[in-house]
Amino acid sequence: MYLIHVRLRAPAGAVLPPGAAGLFASFADGGDGVEHIAVHRDAPGGPTLGLFLNAPALAAAEEAAERLARRAVAGHASLRGFVVVAGEASLVPGPWWDTG
């Protein structure tokens, strides 16, 4: 399973609607491998979706996450004007990284 963050750019003054996680999930198809979607409305850099996906490889998970997000923003009136900026796995620093 992969956690993919999809960053969105909102039109001026717009916010993601209530129930946005379910709205995005409704655009998933069987090939997307979606297990769960979390929404971070006030994330630095713009609203961000956290998609937990089952996929054979990281690149496939990133592609599926972006496809789903693009389907949703193109297909639902409450998301019109939102733009998918990026879809990628986040690197999380750990104690094995040299942070000095």
N, C-alpha and C. Protein backbone atom coordinates (compact mmCIF):
# COMPACT_ATOMS: atom_id res chain seq x y z
N MET A 1 0.85 -1.17 0.00
CA MET A 1 0.00 0.00 0.00
C MET A 1 0.90 1.24 0.00
N TYR A 2 0.45 2.23 -0.73
CA TYR A 2 1.19 3.48 -0.84
C TYR A 2 0.32 4.65 -0.37
N LEU A 3 0.97 5.64 0.25
CA LEU A 3 0.32 6.90 0.60
C LEU A 3 0.81 7.93 -0.41
N ILE A 4 -0.14 8.44 -1.20
CA ILE A 4 0.17 9.43 -2.22
C ILE A 4 -0.54 10.73 -1.87
N HIS A 5 0.21 11.81 -1.88
CA HIS A 5 -0.38 13.12 -1.64
C HIS A 5 -0.65 13.79 -2.99
N VAL A 6 -1.87 14.24 -3.17
CA VAL A 6 -2.24 15.00 -4.36
C VAL A 6 -2.51 16.43 -3.90
N ARG A 7 -1.68 17.34 -4.39
CA ARG A 7 -1.83 18.74 -4.05
C ARG A 7 -2.72 19.42 -5.08
N LEU A 8 -3.62 20.25 -4.58
CA LEU A 8 -4.56 20.97 -5.44
C LEU A 8 -4.32 22.47 -5.33
N ARG A 9 -4.66 23.19 -6.37
CA ARG A 9 -4.70 24.65 -6.31
C ARG A 9 -6.17 25.04 -6.40
N ALA A 10 -6.60 25.82 -5.44
CA ALA A 10 -8.00 26.23 -5.37
C ALA A 10 -8.18 27.57 -6.08
N PRO A 11 -9.34 27.74 -6.72
CA PRO A 11 -9.62 29.07 -7.28
C PRO A 11 -9.74 30.08 -6.14
N ALA A 12 -9.55 31.34 -6.45
CA ALA A 12 -9.59 32.39 -5.44
C ALA A 12 -10.83 32.28 -4.57
N GLY A 13 -10.62 32.20 -3.27
CA GLY A 13 -11.72 32.18 -2.31
C GLY A 13 -12.42 30.84 -2.15
N ALA A 14 -12.04 29.85 -2.92
CA ALA A 14 -12.72 28.55 -2.86
C ALA A 14 -12.11 27.65 -1.79
N VAL A 15 -12.94 26.80 -1.22
CA VAL A 15 -12.50 25.78 -0.28
C VAL A 15 -13.11 24.46 -0.72
N LEU A 16 -12.47 23.37 -0.32
CA LEU A 16 -13.04 22.07 -0.64
C LEU A 16 -14.38 21.93 0.09
N PRO A 17 -15.36 21.33 -0.55
CA PRO A 17 -16.69 21.20 0.06
C PRO A 17 -16.67 20.20 1.20
N PRO A 18 -17.65 20.30 2.11
CA PRO A 18 -17.80 19.28 3.15
C PRO A 18 -17.95 17.91 2.48
N GLY A 19 -17.40 16.90 3.11
CA GLY A 19 -17.51 15.57 2.54
C GLY A 19 -16.62 15.35 1.33
N ALA A 20 -15.55 16.15 1.21
CA ALA A 20 -14.69 16.07 0.03
C ALA A 20 -14.05 14.68 -0.13
N ALA A 21 -13.71 14.03 0.97
CA ALA A 21 -13.09 12.70 0.86
C ALA A 21 -14.04 11.74 0.16
N GLY A 22 -15.29 11.73 0.56
CA GLY A 22 -16.28 10.87 -0.07
C GLY A 22 -16.55 11.26 -1.50
N LEU A 23 -16.52 12.54 -1.77
CA LEU A 23 -16.73 13.02 -3.14
C LEU A 23 -15.63 12.50 -4.05
N PHE A 24 -14.36 12.65 -3.62
CA PHE A 24 -13.26 12.13 -4.44
C PHE A 24 -13.36 10.61 -4.56
N ALA A 25 -13.69 9.94 -3.47
CA ALA A 25 -13.81 8.47 -3.50
C ALA A 25 -14.86 8.01 -4.49
N SER A 26 -15.90 8.81 -4.68
CA SER A 26 -16.97 8.42 -5.60
C SER A 26 -16.50 8.40 -7.06
N PHE A 27 -15.35 9.00 -7.34
CA PHE A 27 -14.80 8.99 -8.69
C PHE A 27 -13.78 7.88 -8.90
N ALA A 28 -13.53 7.08 -7.87
CA ALA A 28 -12.58 5.97 -7.98
C ALA A 28 -13.21 4.85 -8.80
N ASP A 29 -12.36 4.20 -9.59
CA ASP A 29 -12.84 3.00 -10.27
C ASP A 29 -12.03 1.81 -9.76
N GLY A 30 -12.39 0.62 -10.17
CA GLY A 30 -11.77 -0.58 -9.65
C GLY A 30 -10.27 -0.65 -9.85
N GLY A 31 -9.76 -0.01 -10.88
CA GLY A 31 -8.34 -0.06 -11.16
C GLY A 31 -7.50 0.90 -10.35
N ASP A 32 -8.15 1.79 -9.59
CA ASP A 32 -7.40 2.79 -8.82
C ASP A 32 -6.79 2.22 -7.54
N GLY A 33 -7.37 1.18 -6.99
CA GLY A 33 -6.84 0.57 -5.77
C GLY A 33 -7.02 1.41 -4.52
N VAL A 34 -8.01 2.28 -4.50
CA VAL A 34 -8.21 3.17 -3.37
C VAL A 34 -8.71 2.41 -2.14
N GLU A 35 -8.02 2.63 -1.03
CA GLU A 35 -8.42 2.07 0.26
C GLU A 35 -9.01 3.14 1.17
N HIS A 36 -8.45 4.34 1.11
CA HIS A 36 -8.88 5.42 2.01
C HIS A 36 -8.41 6.75 1.43
N ILE A 37 -9.19 7.80 1.68
CA ILE A 37 -8.80 9.15 1.28
C ILE A 37 -8.97 10.08 2.47
N ALA A 38 -7.93 10.84 2.75
CA ALA A 38 -7.97 11.87 3.79
C ALA A 38 -7.83 13.23 3.11
N VAL A 39 -8.46 14.24 3.69
CA VAL A 39 -8.42 15.58 3.12
C VAL A 39 -7.77 16.53 4.12
N HIS A 40 -6.80 17.30 3.62
CA HIS A 40 -6.12 18.31 4.43
C HIS A 40 -6.40 19.66 3.77
N ARG A 41 -7.45 20.31 4.23
CA ARG A 41 -7.90 21.56 3.60
C ARG A 41 -6.90 22.69 3.71
N ASP A 42 -6.18 22.76 4.84
CA ASP A 42 -5.29 23.89 5.10
C ASP A 42 -3.82 23.51 5.04
N ALA A 43 -3.47 22.55 4.23
CA ALA A 43 -2.08 22.12 4.12
C ALA A 43 -1.22 23.22 3.51
N PRO A 44 0.03 23.32 3.95
CA PRO A 44 0.93 24.29 3.30
C PRO A 44 1.01 23.97 1.80
N GLY A 45 0.89 24.97 0.98
CA GLY A 45 0.96 24.76 -0.46
C GLY A 45 -0.39 24.51 -1.10
N GLY A 46 -1.45 24.45 -0.30
CA GLY A 46 -2.79 24.27 -0.86
C GLY A 46 -3.45 23.01 -0.37
N PRO A 47 -4.74 22.89 -0.63
CA PRO A 47 -5.47 21.70 -0.18
C PRO A 47 -4.79 20.44 -0.71
N THR A 48 -4.73 19.43 0.13
CA THR A 48 -4.02 18.20 -0.23
C THR A 48 -4.85 16.98 0.14
N LEU A 49 -4.87 16.01 -0.76
CA LEU A 49 -5.52 14.74 -0.51
C LEU A 49 -4.45 13.72 -0.15
N GLY A 50 -4.74 12.89 0.82
CA GLY A 50 -3.87 11.76 1.14
C GLY A 50 -4.60 10.51 0.69
N LEU A 51 -4.12 9.87 -0.34
CA LEU A 51 -4.77 8.67 -0.88
C LEU A 51 -3.94 7.44 -0.54
N PHE A 52 -4.57 6.48 0.13
CA PHE A 52 -3.95 5.20 0.43
C PHE A 52 -4.39 4.25 -0.67
N LEU A 53 -3.42 3.77 -1.45
CA LEU A 53 -3.72 2.96 -2.63
C LEU A 53 -2.96 1.64 -2.61
N ASN A 54 -3.63 0.59 -3.04
CA ASN A 54 -2.96 -0.67 -3.33
C ASN A 54 -2.57 -0.62 -4.79
N ALA A 55 -1.28 -0.81 -5.05
CA ALA A 55 -0.78 -0.76 -6.42
C ALA A 55 0.47 -1.64 -6.50
N PRO A 56 0.79 -2.10 -7.70
CA PRO A 56 1.97 -2.96 -7.85
C PRO A 56 3.30 -2.22 -7.69
N ALA A 57 3.29 -0.90 -7.85
CA ALA A 57 4.53 -0.11 -7.77
C ALA A 57 4.18 1.33 -7.43
N LEU A 58 5.16 2.06 -6.92
CA LEU A 58 4.96 3.45 -6.54
C LEU A 58 4.49 4.30 -7.72
N ALA A 59 5.11 4.15 -8.87
CA ALA A 59 4.72 4.95 -10.04
C ALA A 59 3.27 4.70 -10.41
N ALA A 60 2.81 3.47 -10.32
CA ALA A 60 1.41 3.15 -10.64
C ALA A 60 0.48 3.80 -9.63
N ALA A 61 0.87 3.83 -8.37
CA ALA A 61 0.04 4.47 -7.33
C ALA A 61 -0.05 5.97 -7.57
N GLU A 62 1.08 6.60 -7.91
CA GLU A 62 1.07 8.04 -8.18
C GLU A 62 0.19 8.37 -9.38
N GLU A 63 0.30 7.57 -10.43
CA GLU A 63 -0.53 7.80 -11.63
C GLU A 63 -2.01 7.62 -11.32
N ALA A 64 -2.36 6.59 -10.56
CA ALA A 64 -3.76 6.34 -10.22
C ALA A 64 -4.32 7.48 -9.38
N ALA A 65 -3.54 7.98 -8.43
CA ALA A 65 -4.00 9.08 -7.57
C ALA A 65 -4.27 10.33 -8.39
N GLU A 66 -3.37 10.66 -9.29
CA GLU A 66 -3.57 11.85 -10.12
C GLU A 66 -4.76 11.68 -11.05
N ARG A 67 -4.90 10.50 -11.66
CA ARG A 67 -6.05 10.25 -12.55
C ARG A 67 -7.36 10.45 -11.81
N LEU A 68 -7.45 9.86 -10.62
CA LEU A 68 -8.69 9.97 -9.84
C LEU A 68 -8.99 11.44 -9.52
N ALA A 69 -7.98 12.16 -9.05
CA ALA A 69 -8.18 13.57 -8.70
C ALA A 69 -8.60 14.39 -9.92
N ARG A 70 -7.99 14.13 -11.05
CA ARG A 70 -8.36 14.86 -12.27
C ARG A 70 -9.79 14.54 -12.71
N ARG A 71 -10.18 13.27 -12.58
CA ARG A 71 -11.58 12.90 -12.90
C ARG A 71 -12.55 13.67 -12.01
N ALA A 72 -12.22 13.75 -10.72
CA ALA A 72 -13.11 14.42 -9.78
C ALA A 72 -13.23 15.91 -10.05
N VAL A 73 -12.09 16.60 -10.23
CA VAL A 73 -12.17 18.05 -10.44
C VAL A 73 -12.83 18.39 -11.78
N ALA A 74 -12.72 17.50 -12.75
CA ALA A 74 -13.36 17.73 -14.04
C ALA A 74 -14.84 17.34 -14.01
N GLY A 75 -15.19 16.43 -13.10
CA GLY A 75 -16.53 15.86 -13.16
C GLY A 75 -17.52 16.31 -12.11
N HIS A 76 -17.10 17.09 -11.13
CA HIS A 76 -18.04 17.49 -10.09
C HIS A 76 -18.11 19.02 -10.00
N ALA A 77 -19.30 19.55 -10.04
CA ALA A 77 -19.50 21.01 -10.08
C ALA A 77 -18.86 21.72 -8.89
N SER A 78 -18.86 21.12 -7.70
CA SER A 78 -18.31 21.80 -6.53
C SER A 78 -16.78 21.85 -6.54
N LEU A 79 -16.16 21.18 -7.50
CA LEU A 79 -14.70 21.19 -7.62
C LEU A 79 -14.21 21.95 -8.84
N ARG A 80 -15.14 22.56 -9.58
CA ARG A 80 -14.75 23.30 -10.77
C ARG A 80 -13.78 24.42 -10.40
N GLY A 81 -12.75 24.53 -11.19
CA GLY A 81 -11.74 25.56 -10.95
C GLY A 81 -10.56 25.06 -10.14
N PHE A 82 -10.72 23.93 -9.43
CA PHE A 82 -9.58 23.35 -8.74
C PHE A 82 -8.66 22.72 -9.78
N VAL A 83 -7.37 22.75 -9.51
CA VAL A 83 -6.38 22.20 -10.43
C VAL A 83 -5.50 21.22 -9.66
N VAL A 84 -5.24 20.08 -10.27
CA VAL A 84 -4.31 19.11 -9.70
C VAL A 84 -2.90 19.60 -10.00
N VAL A 85 -2.14 19.88 -8.94
CA VAL A 85 -0.79 20.41 -9.09
C VAL A 85 0.25 19.28 -9.14
N ALA A 86 0.12 18.32 -8.25
CA ALA A 86 1.10 17.23 -8.17
C ALA A 86 0.51 16.05 -7.45
N GLY A 87 1.00 14.87 -7.78
CA GLY A 87 0.61 13.65 -7.08
C GLY A 87 1.85 12.81 -6.87
N GLU A 88 2.28 12.69 -5.61
CA GLU A 88 3.51 11.96 -5.35
C GLU A 88 3.57 11.46 -3.92
N ALA A 89 4.39 10.44 -3.73
CA ALA A 89 4.63 9.94 -2.38
C ALA A 89 5.50 10.96 -1.66
N SER A 90 5.23 11.14 -0.38
CA SER A 90 6.02 12.06 0.41
C SER A 90 7.14 11.30 1.10
N LEU A 91 8.30 11.89 1.08
CA LEU A 91 9.41 11.31 1.82
C LEU A 91 9.33 11.82 3.25
N VAL A 92 9.37 10.90 4.18
CA VAL A 92 9.28 11.25 5.59
C VAL A 92 10.65 11.05 6.22
N PRO A 93 11.27 12.12 6.73
CA PRO A 93 12.59 11.95 7.33
C PRO A 93 12.53 11.05 8.56
N GLY A 94 13.54 10.28 8.74
CA GLY A 94 13.61 9.39 9.89
C GLY A 94 14.98 9.48 10.53
N PRO A 95 15.17 8.72 11.58
CA PRO A 95 16.44 8.80 12.31
C PRO A 95 17.64 8.33 11.48
N TRP A 96 17.37 7.63 10.37
CA TRP A 96 18.45 7.15 9.51
C TRP A 96 18.98 8.23 8.58
N TRP A 97 18.29 9.38 8.52
CA TRP A 97 18.74 10.47 7.66
C TRP A 97 19.73 11.33 8.44
N ASP A 98 20.74 11.81 7.76
CA ASP A 98 21.68 12.73 8.38
C ASP A 98 21.09 14.12 8.28
N THR A 99 20.55 14.62 9.38
CA THR A 99 19.90 15.93 9.37
C THR A 99 20.85 17.01 9.85
N GLY A 100 22.09 16.67 10.12
CA GLY A 100 23.08 17.63 10.63
C GLY A 100 23.64 18.41 9.55
